[in-house]
Every structure is written in C-alpha cells, then in structure tokens.
Amino acid sequence: MCGRYSFYPPKNFASRFSLELSSKDLDKLTPNGNVSPGQVMPVITKNDNSNQLDFMKWGLIPAWAKNYKIDHGMINARSESLASKPSFKDSFQNSRCLIPATGFYEWQKTAKTSTPYLFQLKDQSLFSFAGLFSNSTYTIITTDPNPLVSKVHHRMPVILNQTDESIWLNPNSNPNLLLSLLKPFPSQFMSSTQQSPS
C-alpha cells in the first residue's frame, strides 16, 4: 500500500518529462512533503504524440461509477489484478499515467507505536510511480516490496525506470510488456529514513 508520498518539483521538471510548460503551468507545481488521498496533484499523461501535464485527484473513480456517489476513490491498485479487475481493466488498457514523486511513506506498526519511514532514491531525485486514471482521478499501482521496503511493509508502489516511462504512456504498448514493468524497484538505488512516530 502507498498512502502518503512527497513531491518536490526540481527546476528541470518540464524537461525531465518532455513537457512544454509556461511559467503559469510551472507555478502550479506546489511542493508537498506529505501528499494525502483526496488531494489534487500533477500527473503526466499522453496526448497524441506529446506528454501532457494534468492535475487530478488522488483516489481513482472508475468510468462506470461516475454516476454513483463515491466519497473516496481507490488510492492503490494491485499490479497482479490490473488486467482483470473491473475497477482497473479499462484504465490499464487506455488510461495510464506517470505520477511524479520524490519519496513515499510506509508505516512500521507495533502494539504501541506506528513509525513512518520515508523511502527515496539515494540521490533524492524525482521519479515516477506507475499510475492509472479515470474521471480526473488517479491511483498508484503497487507490487511486492523489495528487501529494503519489506522490513517495514508487505507492499510498495511501482517506481518506473526512467527509460520505461515512455513505454508505460504509449497507448500502443503490448499489455504483457506493460505488466513486466510492474516490479519492485531495486533496493540498492534506494534509501530509507525513520521519521517521528505517530
């Protein structure tokens, strides 16, 4: 599960995701050290042949549920069931996105405490989660944890290699190839920092 993440946009945000952005667009990229479900955050989608910056609400509401009253969308989607689960099947086929982030939080729980850990890339650079979107809402895909995250939690968000981001956004990518990208990010490129217990 991924229930919180951080987002600190670097100066090269636009070039990092091959975007053409105005200064007004860049001003909308507000740093957030504790992104929570329900907040509206930047995501990257594919529009024809170009990447596009959109702002969507975290918590996916499937297209078929748009006429229902849903207070909280689905913040995570398990990679193992994307291609078959009705809530995600259509988005997996047609509406994939990148979710820019600089870290994510997982909580280690004991009988008395719940201690958050911040996981980042070792160089603390920007990366992207694999995501799905629908109705201007999005969800983060999760997978099995790598050895670093497994010390704290039994799931982790899918962090895409930068070279695979274009494959994930490409509407013509083979579904089996897409599923092969949804694997744990290597521990050796990540770090974890214990935060103050909640």
Protein backbone atom coordinates (compact mmCIF):
# COMPACT_ATOMS: atom_id res chain seq x y z
CA MET A 1 0.00 0.00 0.00
CA CYS A 2 1.05 3.59 -0.57
CA GLY A 3 -0.97 6.09 1.46
CA ARG A 4 1.35 9.10 1.50
CA TYR A 5 4.10 10.45 -0.73
CA SER A 6 6.21 13.56 -1.23
CA PHE A 7 6.58 15.82 -4.23
CA TYR A 8 9.28 18.47 -4.59
CA PRO A 9 9.47 19.55 -8.25
CA PRO A 10 13.01 20.29 -9.48
CA LYS A 11 13.86 23.16 -11.81
CA ASN A 12 14.18 20.72 -14.71
CA PHE A 13 10.68 19.26 -14.18
CA ALA A 14 9.47 20.16 -17.68
CA SER A 15 12.47 18.69 -19.49
CA ARG A 16 12.50 15.64 -17.19
CA PHE A 17 9.08 14.64 -18.56
CA SER A 18 9.45 16.14 -22.07
CA LEU A 19 6.81 18.79 -21.39
CA GLU A 20 6.29 22.20 -22.89
CA LEU A 21 5.16 24.32 -19.94
CA SER A 22 4.55 28.01 -19.46
CA SER A 23 5.65 29.87 -16.34
CA LYS A 24 1.98 29.80 -15.28
CA ASP A 25 1.98 26.00 -15.54
CA LEU A 26 5.18 25.75 -13.53
CA ASP A 27 3.72 27.96 -10.80
CA LYS A 28 1.04 25.32 -10.24
CA LEU A 29 3.69 22.76 -9.24
CA THR A 30 3.48 23.27 -5.50
CA PRO A 31 5.89 21.33 -3.26
CA ASN A 32 4.17 18.94 -0.89
CA GLY A 33 6.05 16.83 1.63
CA ASN A 34 3.00 14.83 2.68
CA VAL A 35 0.61 14.19 -0.20
CA SER A 36 -2.53 12.50 1.10
CA PRO A 37 -5.51 10.80 -0.60
CA GLY A 38 -8.06 13.23 -1.96
CA GLN A 39 -5.53 15.93 -2.84
CA VAL A 40 -5.17 17.19 -6.40
CA MET A 41 -1.67 16.57 -7.71
CA PRO A 42 0.21 16.65 -11.04
CA VAL A 43 0.23 13.59 -13.27
CA ILE A 44 1.72 13.03 -16.72
CA THR A 45 -0.46 11.63 -19.50
CA LYS A 46 -0.05 11.10 -23.23
CA ASN A 47 -1.93 13.39 -25.62
CA ASP A 48 -1.50 12.27 -29.23
CA ASN A 49 2.29 12.20 -29.59
CA SER A 50 3.13 14.53 -26.71
CA ASN A 51 3.34 14.25 -22.95
CA GLN A 52 0.86 16.43 -21.11
CA LEU A 53 0.69 17.80 -17.56
CA ASP A 54 -2.67 17.30 -15.84
CA PHE A 55 -3.90 17.82 -12.30
CA MET A 56 -6.06 15.08 -10.84
CA LYS A 57 -7.46 13.91 -7.52
CA TRP A 58 -5.75 11.00 -5.78
CA GLY A 59 -8.33 8.23 -5.47
CA LEU A 60 -9.50 6.63 -8.70
CA ILE A 61 -13.20 6.53 -9.53
CA PRO A 62 -13.83 4.15 -12.46
CA ALA A 63 -15.66 5.47 -15.51
CA TRP A 64 -18.60 3.13 -14.90
CA ALA A 65 -19.01 4.53 -11.36
CA LYS A 66 -19.23 8.21 -12.31
CA ASN A 67 -22.98 8.32 -11.67
CA TYR A 68 -22.61 6.84 -8.19
CA LYS A 69 -21.87 8.79 -5.03
CA ILE A 70 -18.33 7.78 -4.05
CA ASP A 71 -16.65 9.73 -1.27
CA HIS A 72 -13.25 8.07 -1.51
CA GLY A 73 -11.73 6.60 -4.64
CA MET A 74 -9.20 3.79 -4.77
CA ILE A 75 -5.74 5.14 -3.92
CA ASN A 76 -3.90 1.94 -4.87
CA ALA A 77 -4.24 -0.77 -7.50
CA ARG A 78 -2.56 -4.14 -7.13
CA SER A 79 -0.39 -4.94 -10.15
CA GLU A 80 -1.45 -8.59 -10.09
CA SER A 81 -5.10 -7.81 -10.90
CA LEU A 82 -4.93 -4.79 -13.23
CA ALA A 83 -5.77 -6.68 -16.40
CA SER A 84 -8.80 -8.45 -14.93
CA LYS A 85 -10.35 -6.37 -12.14
CA PRO A 86 -13.32 -4.32 -13.46
CA SER A 87 -12.27 -1.24 -11.47
CA PHE A 88 -8.93 -1.04 -13.28
CA LYS A 89 -9.18 -3.05 -16.51
CA ASP A 90 -10.29 -0.19 -18.77
CA SER A 91 -7.80 2.30 -17.31
CA PHE A 92 -4.98 -0.22 -17.66
CA GLN A 93 -5.82 -0.62 -21.34
CA ASN A 94 -6.46 3.03 -22.18
CA SER A 95 -5.61 5.49 -19.39
CA ARG A 96 -2.14 5.07 -17.92
CA CYS A 97 -0.18 7.90 -16.33
CA LEU A 98 3.01 8.81 -14.53
CA ILE A 99 2.79 10.22 -11.01
CA PRO A 100 5.82 12.41 -10.20
CA ALA A 101 7.20 11.96 -6.69
CA THR A 102 10.35 12.34 -4.64
CA GLY A 103 9.56 9.80 -1.93
CA PHE A 104 6.87 7.67 -0.31
CA TYR A 105 5.98 6.72 3.24
CA GLU A 106 5.26 3.35 4.79
CA TRP A 107 4.46 2.69 8.46
CA GLN A 108 6.01 0.02 10.67
CA LYS A 109 3.41 -0.91 13.25
CA THR A 110 3.89 -2.43 16.68
CA ALA A 111 1.49 -2.91 19.57
CA LYS A 112 2.22 0.59 20.86
CA THR A 113 3.55 2.68 18.01
CA SER A 114 3.26 3.32 14.30
CA THR A 115 6.57 4.59 12.94
CA PRO A 116 6.71 6.12 9.44
CA TYR A 117 9.66 5.59 7.13
CA LEU A 118 10.42 7.77 4.14
CA PHE A 119 11.72 5.88 1.10
CA GLN A 120 13.58 7.80 -1.61
CA LEU A 121 16.10 7.30 -4.36
CA LYS A 122 19.61 7.57 -2.93
CA ASP A 123 20.26 10.81 -4.81
CA GLN A 124 16.82 12.11 -3.70
CA SER A 125 15.92 12.83 -7.32
CA LEU A 126 12.46 12.96 -8.84
CA PHE A 127 10.96 9.67 -10.08
CA SER A 128 7.56 8.46 -11.21
CA PHE A 129 5.06 5.93 -9.94
CA ALA A 130 3.14 3.86 -12.48
CA GLY A 131 -0.46 5.04 -12.33
CA LEU A 132 -3.91 4.77 -13.85
CA PHE A 133 -6.52 7.49 -14.24
CA SER A 134 -10.25 7.95 -14.84
CA ASN A 135 -12.70 10.83 -14.33
CA SER A 136 -9.82 13.20 -13.42
CA THR A 137 -8.82 10.85 -10.60
CA TYR A 138 -5.79 8.59 -10.33
CA THR A 139 -4.41 5.61 -8.46
CA ILE A 140 -0.89 4.37 -7.71
CA ILE A 141 -0.02 0.80 -8.71
CA THR A 142 1.59 -1.37 -6.03
CA THR A 143 3.65 -4.55 -6.16
CA ASP A 144 5.64 -6.83 -3.87
CA PRO A 145 8.25 -4.99 -1.78
CA ASN A 146 11.96 -5.05 -2.41
CA PRO A 147 14.19 -6.19 0.51
CA LEU A 148 14.54 -2.63 1.84
CA VAL A 149 10.80 -1.91 1.97
CA SER A 150 9.89 -5.41 3.14
CA LYS A 151 11.42 -4.62 6.54
CA VAL A 152 8.57 -2.15 7.03
CA HIS A 153 5.66 -3.16 4.78
CA HIS A 154 4.40 -6.03 2.58
CA ARG A 155 3.68 -3.82 -0.47
CA MET A 156 5.38 -0.93 -2.25
CA PRO A 157 4.42 1.44 -5.09
CA VAL A 158 5.74 0.67 -8.55
CA ILE A 159 8.59 3.06 -9.38
CA LEU A 160 9.31 3.02 -13.09
CA ASN A 161 12.77 3.17 -14.55
CA GLN A 162 13.02 6.43 -16.47
CA THR A 163 13.69 4.53 -19.68
CA ASP A 164 10.40 2.64 -19.23
CA GLU A 165 8.20 5.70 -18.71
CA SER A 166 7.59 6.21 -22.42
CA ILE A 167 6.57 2.56 -22.75
CA TRP A 168 4.07 2.95 -19.92
CA LEU A 169 2.50 6.02 -21.55
CA ASN A 170 2.49 4.63 -25.08
CA PRO A 171 -1.12 3.69 -25.99
CA ASN A 172 0.17 1.00 -28.35
CA SER A 173 2.36 -0.86 -25.86
CA ASN A 174 1.78 -4.59 -25.56
CA PRO A 175 -0.12 -5.44 -22.33
CA ASN A 176 2.33 -8.21 -21.45
CA LEU A 177 5.22 -5.79 -21.80
CA LEU A 178 3.40 -3.29 -19.58
CA LEU A 179 2.82 -5.91 -16.90
CA SER A 180 6.51 -6.83 -16.98
CA LEU A 181 7.37 -3.27 -15.88
CA LEU A 182 5.38 -3.60 -12.66
CA LYS A 183 8.13 -5.00 -10.45
CA PRO A 184 9.91 -3.89 -7.26
CA PHE A 185 12.44 -1.11 -7.77
CA PRO A 186 15.96 -2.32 -6.85
CA SER A 187 16.89 -1.74 -3.20
CA GLN A 188 20.45 -0.73 -4.00
CA PHE A 189 19.24 2.52 -5.56
CA MET A 190 17.02 3.47 -2.63
CA SER A 191 17.35 4.72 0.95
CA SER A 192 15.03 4.83 3.94
CA THR A 193 14.81 7.32 6.80
CA GLN A 194 12.88 6.81 10.01
CA GLN A 195 10.54 9.66 10.80
CA SER A 196 9.00 10.70 14.12
CA PRO A 197 6.46 8.09 15.40
CA SER A 198 2.80 8.98 15.04
